[in-house]
Amino acid sequence: ISSVWKDKDIVLYQYEVCPYCNKVRAFLDFYNIPYRTVEVNPLSKKEIKFSEYKKVPVVLINGEQHNESGEIIQKLNKMIESNESYEMKEEEKKWFEW
């Protein structure tokens, strides 16, 4: 595990079949970023009652909320870049476009 993630508690609130959640999960898995998932009930959404934002994915990074898959990935990528000399490849940039 990269030192970037040692002190980070990352929780992904998701629907397992949600393509945007899968996009975030794929990014986390690709970079071996440790995280926990919480499956959100699509009817009651009680797992995200703490948030005014009622869609998934929602990610908490040390308690700080981030919404929308593209924004979540950009935030995570900035965390990678700020702690390592890393430049996104063209293939990786495509993830931000869908």
PDB file of N, CA and C in Angstrom:
ATOM      1  N   ILE A   1       0.856  -1.188   0.000  1.00  0.00           N
ATOM      2  CA  ILE A   1       0.000   0.000   0.000  1.00  0.00           C
ATOM      3  C   ILE A   1       0.889   1.234   0.000  1.00  0.00           C
ATOM      4  N   SER A   2       0.606   2.128  -0.907  1.00  0.00           N
ATOM      5  CA  SER A   2       1.349   3.377  -0.979  1.00  0.00           C
ATOM      6  C   SER A   2       1.143   4.169   0.307  1.00  0.00           C
ATOM      7  N   SER A   3       2.159   4.929   0.686  1.00  0.00           N
ATOM      8  CA  SER A   3       2.068   5.749   1.892  1.00  0.00           C
ATOM      9  C   SER A   3       0.951   6.787   1.797  1.00  0.00           C
ATOM     10  N   VAL A   4       0.521   7.090   0.575  1.00  0.00           N
ATOM     11  CA  VAL A   4      -0.573   8.039   0.374  1.00  0.00           C
ATOM     12  C   VAL A   4      -1.828   7.582   1.116  1.00  0.00           C
ATOM     13  N   TRP A   5      -2.066   6.292   1.170  1.00  0.00           N
ATOM     14  CA  TRP A   5      -3.331   5.756   1.656  1.00  0.00           C
ATOM     15  C   TRP A   5      -3.283   5.252   3.091  1.00  0.00           C
ATOM     16  N   LYS A   6      -2.105   5.237   3.723  1.00  0.00           N
ATOM     17  CA  LYS A   6      -1.978   4.645   5.052  1.00  0.00           C
ATOM     18  C   LYS A   6      -2.891   5.281   6.094  1.00  0.00           C
ATOM     19  N   ASP A   7      -3.047   6.589   6.051  1.00  0.00           N
ATOM     20  CA  ASP A   7      -3.870   7.272   7.051  1.00  0.00           C
ATOM     21  C   ASP A   7      -5.238   7.682   6.512  1.00  0.00           C
ATOM     22  N   LYS A   8      -5.652   7.075   5.403  1.00  0.00           N
ATOM     23  CA  LYS A   8      -6.930   7.430   4.777  1.00  0.00           C
ATOM     24  C   LYS A   8      -7.971   6.345   5.032  1.00  0.00           C
ATOM     25  N   ASP A   9      -9.136   6.773   5.466  1.00  0.00           N
ATOM     26  CA  ASP A   9     -10.287   5.883   5.621  1.00  0.00           C
ATOM     27  C   ASP A   9     -11.234   6.211   4.478  1.00  0.00           C
ATOM     28  N   ILE A  10     -11.339   5.311   3.517  1.00  0.00           N
ATOM     29  CA  ILE A  10     -12.153   5.555   2.326  1.00  0.00           C
ATOM     30  C   ILE A  10     -13.340   4.604   2.337  1.00  0.00           C
ATOM     31  N   VAL A  11     -14.542   5.193   2.238  1.00  0.00           N
ATOM     32  CA  VAL A  11     -15.774   4.412   2.237  1.00  0.00           C
ATOM     33  C   VAL A  11     -16.566   4.780   0.978  1.00  0.00           C
ATOM     34  N   LEU A  12     -16.907   3.767   0.199  1.00  0.00           N
ATOM     35  CA  LEU A  12     -17.698   3.941  -1.021  1.00  0.00           C
ATOM     36  C   LEU A  12     -19.126   3.486  -0.756  1.00  0.00           C
ATOM     37  N   TYR A  13     -20.067   4.411  -0.858  1.00  0.00           N
ATOM     38  CA  TYR A  13     -21.495   4.090  -0.768  1.00  0.00           C
ATOM     39  C   TYR A  13     -21.972   3.859  -2.185  1.00  0.00           C
ATOM     40  N   GLN A  14     -22.576   2.685  -2.423  1.00  0.00           N
ATOM     41  CA  GLN A  14     -22.818   2.254  -3.801  1.00  0.00           C
ATOM     42  C   GLN A  14     -24.064   1.392  -3.926  1.00  0.00           C
ATOM     43  N   TYR A  15     -24.477   1.219  -5.186  1.00  0.00           N
ATOM     44  CA  TYR A  15     -25.328   0.099  -5.604  1.00  0.00           C
ATOM     45  C   TYR A  15     -24.375  -0.784  -6.389  1.00  0.00           C
ATOM     46  N   GLU A  16     -24.380  -2.056  -6.129  1.00  0.00           N
ATOM     47  CA  GLU A  16     -23.424  -2.951  -6.787  1.00  0.00           C
ATOM     48  C   GLU A  16     -23.547  -2.909  -8.313  1.00  0.00           C
ATOM     49  N   VAL A  17     -24.752  -2.720  -8.830  1.00  0.00           N
ATOM     50  CA  VAL A  17     -24.949  -2.751 -10.283  1.00  0.00           C
ATOM     51  C   VAL A  17     -24.851  -1.374 -10.948  1.00  0.00           C
ATOM     52  N   CYS A  18     -24.598  -0.346 -10.189  1.00  0.00           N
ATOM     53  CA  CYS A  18     -24.507   1.020 -10.720  1.00  0.00           C
ATOM     54  C   CYS A  18     -23.234   1.183 -11.546  1.00  0.00           C
ATOM     55  N   PRO A  19     -23.347   1.585 -12.817  1.00  0.00           N
ATOM     56  CA  PRO A  19     -22.143   1.721 -13.649  1.00  0.00           C
ATOM     57  C   PRO A  19     -21.191   2.805 -13.144  1.00  0.00           C
ATOM     58  N   TYR A  20     -21.713   3.866 -12.554  1.00  0.00           N
ATOM     59  CA  TYR A  20     -20.861   4.932 -12.031  1.00  0.00           C
ATOM     60  C   TYR A  20     -20.117   4.469 -10.779  1.00  0.00           C
ATOM     61  N   CYS A  21     -20.766   3.649  -9.983  1.00  0.00           N
ATOM     62  CA  CYS A  21     -20.107   3.046  -8.813  1.00  0.00           C
ATOM     63  C   CYS A  21     -19.026   2.085  -9.270  1.00  0.00           C
ATOM     64  N   ASN A  22     -19.317   1.319 -10.309  1.00  0.00           N
ATOM     65  CA  ASN A  22     -18.333   0.392 -10.861  1.00  0.00           C
ATOM     66  C   ASN A  22     -17.111   1.132 -11.394  1.00  0.00           C
ATOM     67  N   LYS A  23     -17.344   2.285 -11.975  1.00  0.00           N
ATOM     68  CA  LYS A  23     -16.255   3.116 -12.485  1.00  0.00           C
ATOM     69  C   LYS A  23     -15.324   3.527 -11.341  1.00  0.00           C
ATOM     70  N   VAL A  24     -15.888   3.971 -10.228  1.00  0.00           N
ATOM     71  CA  VAL A  24     -15.089   4.365  -9.069  1.00  0.00           C
ATOM     72  C   VAL A  24     -14.368   3.148  -8.482  1.00  0.00           C
ATOM     73  N   ARG A  25     -15.094   2.058  -8.356  1.00  0.00           N
ATOM     74  CA  ARG A  25     -14.494   0.833  -7.821  1.00  0.00           C
ATOM     75  C   ARG A  25     -13.332   0.356  -8.701  1.00  0.00           C
ATOM     76  N   ALA A  26     -13.493   0.444 -10.016  1.00  0.00           N
ATOM     77  CA  ALA A  26     -12.426   0.038 -10.938  1.00  0.00           C
ATOM     78  C   ALA A  26     -11.185   0.904 -10.737  1.00  0.00           C
ATOM     79  N   PHE A  27     -11.383   2.194 -10.544  1.00  0.00           N
ATOM     80  CA  PHE A  27     -10.253   3.099 -10.298  1.00  0.00           C
ATOM     81  C   PHE A  27      -9.553   2.734  -8.998  1.00  0.00           C
ATOM     82  N   LEU A  28     -10.325   2.543  -7.941  1.00  0.00           N
ATOM     83  CA  LEU A  28      -9.762   2.183  -6.637  1.00  0.00           C
ATOM     84  C   LEU A  28      -8.991   0.872  -6.722  1.00  0.00           C
ATOM     85  N   ASP A  29      -9.578  -0.105  -7.385  1.00  0.00           N
ATOM     86  CA  ASP A  29      -8.936  -1.410  -7.516  1.00  0.00           C
ATOM     87  C   ASP A  29      -7.675  -1.338  -8.384  1.00  0.00           C
ATOM     88  N   PHE A  30      -7.747  -0.586  -9.472  1.00  0.00           N
ATOM     89  CA  PHE A  30      -6.611  -0.462 -10.391  1.00  0.00           C
ATOM     90  C   PHE A  30      -5.381   0.081  -9.668  1.00  0.00           C
ATOM     91  N   TYR A  31      -5.598   1.051  -8.783  1.00  0.00           N
ATOM     92  CA  TYR A  31      -4.492   1.679  -8.058  1.00  0.00           C
ATOM     93  C   TYR A  31      -4.255   1.057  -6.681  1.00  0.00           C
ATOM     94  N   ASN A  32      -4.916  -0.070  -6.421  1.00  0.00           N
ATOM     95  CA  ASN A  32      -4.748  -0.773  -5.141  1.00  0.00           C
ATOM     96  C   ASN A  32      -4.987   0.142  -3.946  1.00  0.00           C
ATOM     97  N   ILE A  33      -6.017   0.957  -4.046  1.00  0.00           N
ATOM     98  CA  ILE A  33      -6.372   1.863  -2.957  1.00  0.00           C
ATOM     99  C   ILE A  33      -7.319   1.117  -2.019  1.00  0.00           C
ATOM    100  N   PRO A  34      -6.964   1.003  -0.753  1.00  0.00           N
ATOM    101  CA  PRO A  34      -7.841   0.293   0.180  1.00  0.00           C
ATOM    102  C   PRO A  34      -9.106   1.093   0.480  1.00  0.00           C
ATOM    103  N   TYR A  35     -10.248   0.402   0.479  1.00  0.00           N
ATOM    104  CA  TYR A  35     -11.532   1.061   0.743  1.00  0.00           C
ATOM    105  C   TYR A  35     -12.532   0.041   1.242  1.00  0.00           C
ATOM    106  N   ARG A  36     -13.576   0.560   1.836  1.00  0.00           N
ATOM    107  CA  ARG A  36     -14.700  -0.275   2.268  1.00  0.00           C
ATOM    108  C   ARG A  36     -15.913   0.132   1.444  1.00  0.00           C
ATOM    109  N   THR A  37     -16.827  -0.807   1.253  1.00  0.00           N
ATOM    110  CA  THR A  37     -18.067  -0.479   0.547  1.00  0.00           C
ATOM    111  C   THR A  37     -19.251  -0.622   1.491  1.00  0.00           C
ATOM    112  N   VAL A  38     -20.238   0.222   1.241  1.00  0.00           N
ATOM    113  CA  VAL A  38     -21.524   0.133   1.925  1.00  0.00           C
ATOM    114  C   VAL A  38     -22.578   0.070   0.834  1.00  0.00           C
ATOM    115  N   GLU A  39     -23.316  -1.028   0.814  1.00  0.00           N
ATOM    116  CA  GLU A  39     -24.383  -1.190  -0.186  1.00  0.00           C
ATOM    117  C   GLU A  39     -25.585  -0.358   0.261  1.00  0.00           C
ATOM    118  N   VAL A  40     -26.040   0.525  -0.613  1.00  0.00           N
ATOM    119  CA  VAL A  40     -27.149   1.425  -0.311  1.00  0.00           C
ATOM    120  C   VAL A  40     -28.449   0.798  -0.780  1.00  0.00           C
ATOM    121  N   ASN A  41     -29.430   0.792   0.087  1.00  0.00           N
ATOM    122  CA  ASN A  41     -30.765   0.316  -0.277  1.00  0.00           C
ATOM    123  C   ASN A  41     -31.370   1.323  -1.251  1.00  0.00           C
ATOM    124  N   PRO A  42     -31.719   0.891  -2.482  1.00  0.00           N
ATOM    125  CA  PRO A  42     -32.200   1.846  -3.486  1.00  0.00           C
ATOM    126  C   PRO A  42     -33.557   2.468  -3.158  1.00  0.00           C
ATOM    127  N   LEU A  43     -34.314   1.844  -2.278  1.00  0.00           N
ATOM    128  CA  LEU A  43     -35.624   2.398  -1.918  1.00  0.00           C
ATOM    129  C   LEU A  43     -35.537   3.359  -0.741  1.00  0.00           C
ATOM    130  N   SER A  44     -34.960   2.909   0.344  1.00  0.00           N
ATOM    131  CA  SER A  44     -34.923   3.752   1.543  1.00  0.00           C
ATOM    132  C   SER A  44     -33.726   4.701   1.567  1.00  0.00           C
ATOM    133  N   LYS A  45     -32.612   4.297   0.961  1.00  0.00           N
ATOM    134  CA  LYS A  45     -31.359   5.060   0.953  1.00  0.00           C
ATOM    135  C   LYS A  45     -30.933   5.466   2.368  1.00  0.00           C
ATOM    136  N   LYS A  46     -31.307   4.648   3.351  1.00  0.00           N
ATOM    137  CA  LYS A  46     -31.018   5.000   4.740  1.00  0.00           C
ATOM    138  C   LYS A  46     -29.513   5.073   5.016  1.00  0.00           C
ATOM    139  N   GLU A  47     -28.721   4.365   4.231  1.00  0.00           N
ATOM    140  CA  GLU A  47     -27.269   4.366   4.427  1.00  0.00           C
ATOM    141  C   GLU A  47     -26.637   5.721   4.109  1.00  0.00           C
ATOM    142  N   ILE A  48     -27.330   6.543   3.305  1.00  0.00           N
ATOM    143  CA  ILE A  48     -26.800   7.881   2.977  1.00  0.00           C
ATOM    144  C   ILE A  48     -27.697   8.990   3.528  1.00  0.00           C
ATOM    145  N   LYS A  49     -28.411   8.694   4.592  1.00  0.00           N
ATOM    146  CA  LYS A  49     -29.270   9.711   5.228  1.00  0.00           C
ATOM    147  C   LYS A  49     -28.456  10.904   5.714  1.00  0.00           C
ATOM    148  N   PHE A  50     -27.173  10.681   6.011  1.00  0.00           N
ATOM    149  CA  PHE A  50     -26.307  11.753   6.501  1.00  0.00           C
ATOM    150  C   PHE A  50     -26.075  12.839   5.447  1.00  0.00           C
ATOM    151  N   SER A  51     -26.383  12.533   4.191  1.00  0.00           N
ATOM    152  CA  SER A  51     -26.049  13.413   3.074  1.00  0.00           C
ATOM    153  C   SER A  51     -27.294  14.047   2.464  1.00  0.00           C
ATOM    154  N   GLU A  52     -27.146  15.293   2.041  1.00  0.00           N
ATOM    155  CA  GLU A  52     -28.221  15.934   1.275  1.00  0.00           C
ATOM    156  C   GLU A  52     -28.236  15.389  -0.153  1.00  0.00           C
ATOM    157  N   TYR A  53     -27.098  14.896  -0.611  1.00  0.00           N
ATOM    158  CA  TYR A  53     -26.961  14.308  -1.942  1.00  0.00           C
ATOM    159  C   TYR A  53     -27.498  12.888  -1.879  1.00  0.00           C
ATOM    160  N   LYS A  54     -28.492  12.571  -2.676  1.00  0.00           N
ATOM    161  CA  LYS A  54     -29.190  11.281  -2.567  1.00  0.00           C
ATOM    162  C   LYS A  54     -28.928  10.328  -3.725  1.00  0.00           C
ATOM    163  N   LYS A  55     -27.796  10.497  -4.401  1.00  0.00           N
ATOM    164  CA  LYS A  55     -27.429   9.587  -5.482  1.00  0.00           C
ATOM    165  C   LYS A  55     -26.137   8.875  -5.097  1.00  0.00           C
ATOM    166  N   VAL A  56     -25.848   7.789  -5.778  1.00  0.00           N
ATOM    167  CA  VAL A  56     -24.570   7.114  -5.594  1.00  0.00           C
ATOM    168  C   VAL A  56     -23.782   7.208  -6.891  1.00  0.00           C
ATOM    169  N   PRO A  57     -22.485   7.154  -6.845  1.00  0.00           N
ATOM    170  CA  PRO A  57     -21.652   6.878  -5.690  1.00  0.00           C
ATOM    171  C   PRO A  57     -21.432   8.108  -4.813  1.00  0.00           C
ATOM    172  N   VAL A  58     -21.244   7.840  -3.537  1.00  0.00           N
ATOM    173  CA  VAL A  58     -20.777   8.814  -2.566  1.00  0.00           C
ATOM    174  C   VAL A  58     -19.532   8.196  -1.932  1.00  0.00           C
ATOM    175  N   VAL A  59     -18.480   8.968  -1.820  1.00  0.00           N
ATOM    176  CA  VAL A  59     -17.265   8.488  -1.177  1.00  0.00           C
ATOM    177  C   VAL A  59     -16.931   9.419  -0.019  1.00  0.00           C
ATOM    178  N   LEU A  60     -16.617   8.820   1.106  1.00  0.00           N
ATOM    179  CA  LEU A  60     -16.090   9.571   2.242  1.00  0.00           C
ATOM    180  C   LEU A  60     -14.602   9.265   2.350  1.00  0.00           C
ATOM    181  N   ILE A  61     -13.794  10.312   2.359  1.00  0.00           N
ATOM    182  CA  ILE A  61     -12.354  10.175   2.563  1.00  0.00           C
ATOM    183  C   ILE A  61     -12.045  10.866   3.882  1.00  0.00           C
ATOM    184  N   ASN A  62     -11.777  10.068   4.898  1.00  0.00           N
ATOM    185  CA  ASN A  62     -11.584  10.587   6.259  1.00  0.00           C
ATOM    186  C   ASN A  62     -12.750  11.488   6.666  1.00  0.00           C
ATOM    187  N   GLY A  63     -13.953  11.076   6.300  1.00  0.00           N
ATOM    188  CA  GLY A  63     -15.159  11.802   6.687  1.00  0.00           C
ATOM    189  C   GLY A  63     -15.565  12.922   5.748  1.00  0.00           C
ATOM    190  N   GLU A  64     -14.717  13.272   4.782  1.00  0.00           N
ATOM    191  CA  GLU A  64     -15.033  14.330   3.825  1.00  0.00           C
ATOM    192  C   GLU A  64     -15.774  13.728   2.637  1.00  0.00           C
ATOM    193  N   GLN A  65     -16.952  14.270   2.347  1.00  0.00           N
ATOM    194  CA  GLN A  65     -17.817  13.692   1.318  1.00  0.00           C
ATOM    195  C   GLN A  65     -17.468  14.186  -0.081  1.00  0.00           C
ATOM    196  N   HIS A  66     -17.501  13.227  -1.027  1.00  0.00           N
ATOM    197  CA  HIS A  66     -17.296  13.531  -2.446  1.00  0.00           C
ATOM    198  C   HIS A  66     -18.375  12.799  -3.235  1.00  0.00           C
ATOM    199  N   ASN A  67     -18.951  13.484  -4.235  1.00  0.00           N
ATOM    200  CA  ASN A  67     -20.057  12.948  -5.031  1.00  0.00           C
ATOM    201  C   ASN A  67     -19.667  12.920  -6.507  1.00  0.00           C
ATOM    202  N   GLU A  68     -20.437  12.170  -7.285  1.00  0.00           N
ATOM    203  CA  GLU A  68     -20.253  12.074  -8.735  1.00  0.00           C
ATOM    204  C   GLU A  68     -18.957  11.338  -9.061  1.00  0.00           C
ATOM    205  N   SER A  69     -19.059  10.302  -9.872  1.00  0.00           N
ATOM    206  CA  SER A  69     -17.915   9.429 -10.151  1.00  0.00           C
ATOM    207  C   SER A  69     -16.705  10.179 -10.716  1.00  0.00           C
ATOM    208  N   GLY A  70     -16.924  11.060 -11.670  1.00  0.00           N
ATOM    209  CA  GLY A  70     -15.811  11.805 -12.264  1.00  0.00           C
ATOM    210  C   GLY A  70     -15.095  12.673 -11.253  1.00  0.00           C
ATOM    211  N   GLU A  71     -15.854  13.346 -10.395  1.00  0.00           N
ATOM    212  CA  GLU A  71     -15.258  14.201  -9.367  1.00  0.00           C
ATOM    213  C   GLU A  71     -14.518  13.374  -8.327  1.00  0.00           C
ATOM    214  N   ILE A  72     -15.077  12.222  -7.978  1.00  0.00           N
ATOM    215  CA  ILE A  72     -14.422  11.333  -7.010  1.00  0.00           C
ATOM    216  C   ILE A  72     -13.074  10.868  -7.564  1.00  0.00           C
ATOM    217  N   ILE A  73     -13.066  10.438  -8.818  1.00  0.00           N
ATOM    218  CA  ILE A  73     -11.835   9.947  -9.440  1.00  0.00           C
ATOM    219  C   ILE A  73     -10.812  11.072  -9.555  1.00  0.00           C
ATOM    220  N   GLN A  74     -11.245  12.268  -9.905  1.00  0.00           N
ATOM    221  CA  GLN A  74     -10.314  13.395  -9.987  1.00  0.00           C
ATOM    222  C   GLN A  74      -9.695  13.689  -8.627  1.00  0.00           C
ATOM    223  N   LYS A  75     -10.498  13.647  -7.569  1.00  0.00           N
ATOM    224  CA  LYS A  75      -9.990  13.881  -6.216  1.00  0.00           C
ATOM    225  C   LYS A  75      -8.952  12.823  -5.849  1.00  0.00           C
ATOM    226  N   LEU A  76      -9.273  11.557  -6.087  1.00  0.00           N
ATOM    227  CA  LEU A  76      -8.336  10.480  -5.784  1.00  0.00           C
ATOM    228  C   LEU A  76      -7.054  10.613  -6.607  1.00  0.00           C
ATOM    229  N   ASN A  77      -7.200  10.969  -7.863  1.00  0.00           N
ATOM    230  CA  ASN A  77      -6.039  11.127  -8.736  1.00  0.00           C
ATOM    231  C   ASN A  77      -5.145  12.267  -8.257  1.00  0.00           C
ATOM    232  N   LYS A  78      -5.750  13.363  -7.799  1.00  0.00           N
ATOM    233  CA  LYS A  78      -4.957  14.477  -7.262  1.00  0.00           C
ATOM    234  C   LYS A  78      -4.193  14.039  -6.020  1.00  0.00           C
ATOM    235  N   MET A  79      -4.806  13.170  -5.224  1.00  0.00           N
ATOM    236  CA  MET A  79      -4.121  12.657  -4.040  1.00  0.00           C
ATOM    237  C   MET A  79      -2.922  11.808  -4.446  1.00  0.00           C
ATOM    238  N   ILE A  80      -3.065  11.046  -5.515  1.00  0.00           N
ATOM    239  CA  ILE A  80      -1.950  10.245  -6.024  1.00  0.00           C
ATOM    240  C   ILE A  80      -0.843  11.180  -6.521  1.00  0.00           C
ATOM    241  N   GLU A  81      -1.237  12.166  -7.326  1.00  0.00           N
ATOM    242  CA  GLU A  81      -0.264  13.075  -7.928  1.00  0.00           C
ATOM    243  C   GLU A  81       0.465  13.919  -6.892  1.00  0.00           C
ATOM    244  N   SER A  82      -0.212  14.302  -5.825  1.00  0.00           N
ATOM    245  CA  SER A  82       0.412  15.177  -4.837  1.00  0.00           C
ATOM    246  C   SER A  82       1.454  14.445  -4.002  1.00  0.00           C
ATOM    247  N   ASN A  83       1.393  13.129  -3.973  1.00  0.00           N
ATOM    248  CA  ASN A  83       2.321  12.359  -3.153  1.00  0.00           C
ATOM    249  C   ASN A  83       3.314  11.535  -3.963  1.00  0.00           C
ATOM    250  N   GLU A  84       3.151  11.521  -5.249  1.00  0.00           N
ATOM    251  CA  GLU A  84       4.046  10.758  -6.106  1.00  0.00           C
ATOM    252  C   GLU A  84       4.238  11.530  -7.407  1.00  0.00           C
ATOM    253  N   SER A  85       5.344  11.336  -8.049  1.00  0.00           N
ATOM    254  CA  SER A  85       5.544  11.985  -9.346  1.00  0.00           C
ATOM    255  C   SER A  85       4.876  11.108 -10.399  1.00  0.00           C
ATOM    256  N   TYR A  86       3.618  11.325 -10.589  1.00  0.00           N
ATOM    257  CA  TYR A  86       2.824  10.482 -11.479  1.00  0.00           C
ATOM    258  C   TYR A  86       2.069  11.347 -12.467  1.00  0.00           C
ATOM    259  N   GLU A  87       2.101  10.975 -13.720  1.00  0.00           N
ATOM    260  CA  GLU A  87       1.340  11.680 -14.743  1.00  0.00           C
ATOM    261  C   GLU A  87       0.371  10.698 -15.384  1.00  0.00           C
ATOM    262  N   MET A  88      -0.897  11.110 -15.506  1.00  0.00           N
ATOM    263  CA  MET A  88      -1.916  10.235 -16.079  1.00  0.00           C
ATOM    264  C   MET A  88      -1.604   9.920 -17.533  1.00  0.00           C
ATOM    265  N   LYS A  89      -1.795   8.668 -17.891  1.00  0.00           N
ATOM    266  CA  LYS A  89      -1.629   8.230 -19.268  1.00  0.00           C
ATOM    267  C   LYS A  89      -2.922   8.517 -20.042  1.00  0.00           C
ATOM    268  N   GLU A  90      -2.824   8.541 -21.355  1.00  0.00           N
ATOM    269  CA  GLU A  90      -3.990   8.819 -22.196  1.00  0.00           C
ATOM    270  C   GLU A  90      -5.129   7.849 -21.914  1.00  0.00           C
ATOM    271  N   GLU A  91      -4.792   6.582 -21.737  1.00  0.00           N
ATOM    272  CA  GLU A  91      -5.811   5.564 -21.454  1.00  0.00           C
ATOM    273  C   GLU A  91      -6.560   5.890 -20.161  1.00  0.00           C
ATOM    274  N   GLU A  92      -5.831   6.354 -19.164  1.00  0.00           N
ATOM    275  CA  GLU A  92      -6.449   6.700 -17.886  1.00  0.00           C
ATOM    276  C   GLU A  92      -7.338   7.933 -18.019  1.00  0.00           C
ATOM    277  N   LYS A  93      -6.930   8.880 -18.836  1.00  0.00           N
ATOM    278  CA  LYS A  93      -7.715  10.107 -19.028  1.00  0.00           C
ATOM    279  C   LYS A  93      -9.093   9.794 -19.618  1.00  0.00           C
ATOM    280  N   LYS A  94      -9.188   8.718 -20.384  1.00  0.00           N
ATOM    281  CA  LYS A  94     -10.467   8.329 -20.985  1.00  0.00           C
ATOM    282  C   LYS A  94     -11.532   8.021 -19.920  1.00  0.00           C
ATOM    283  N   TRP A  95     -11.071   7.590 -18.726  1.00  0.00           N
ATOM    284  CA  TRP A  95     -12.014   7.272 -17.643  1.00  0.00           C
ATOM    285  C   TRP A  95     -12.829   8.490 -17.212  1.00  0.00           C
ATOM    286  N   PHE A  96     -12.253   9.668 -17.395  1.00  0.00           N
ATOM    287  CA  PHE A  96     -12.936  10.887 -16.977  1.00  0.00           C
ATOM    288  C   PHE A  96     -14.029  11.307 -17.964  1.00  0.00           C
ATOM    289  N   GLU A  97     -14.012  10.732 -19.158  1.00  0.00           N
ATOM    290  CA  GLU A  97     -14.913  11.161 -20.211  1.00  0.00           C
ATOM    291  C   GLU A  97     -16.256  10.453 -20.246  1.00  0.00           C
ATOM    292  N   TRP A  98     -16.427   9.342 -19.538  1.00  0.00           N
ATOM    293  CA  TRP A  98     -17.715   8.645 -19.621  1.00  0.00           C
ATOM    294  C   TRP A  98     -18.455   8.690 -18.322  1.00  0.00           C
TER     295      TRP A  98
END
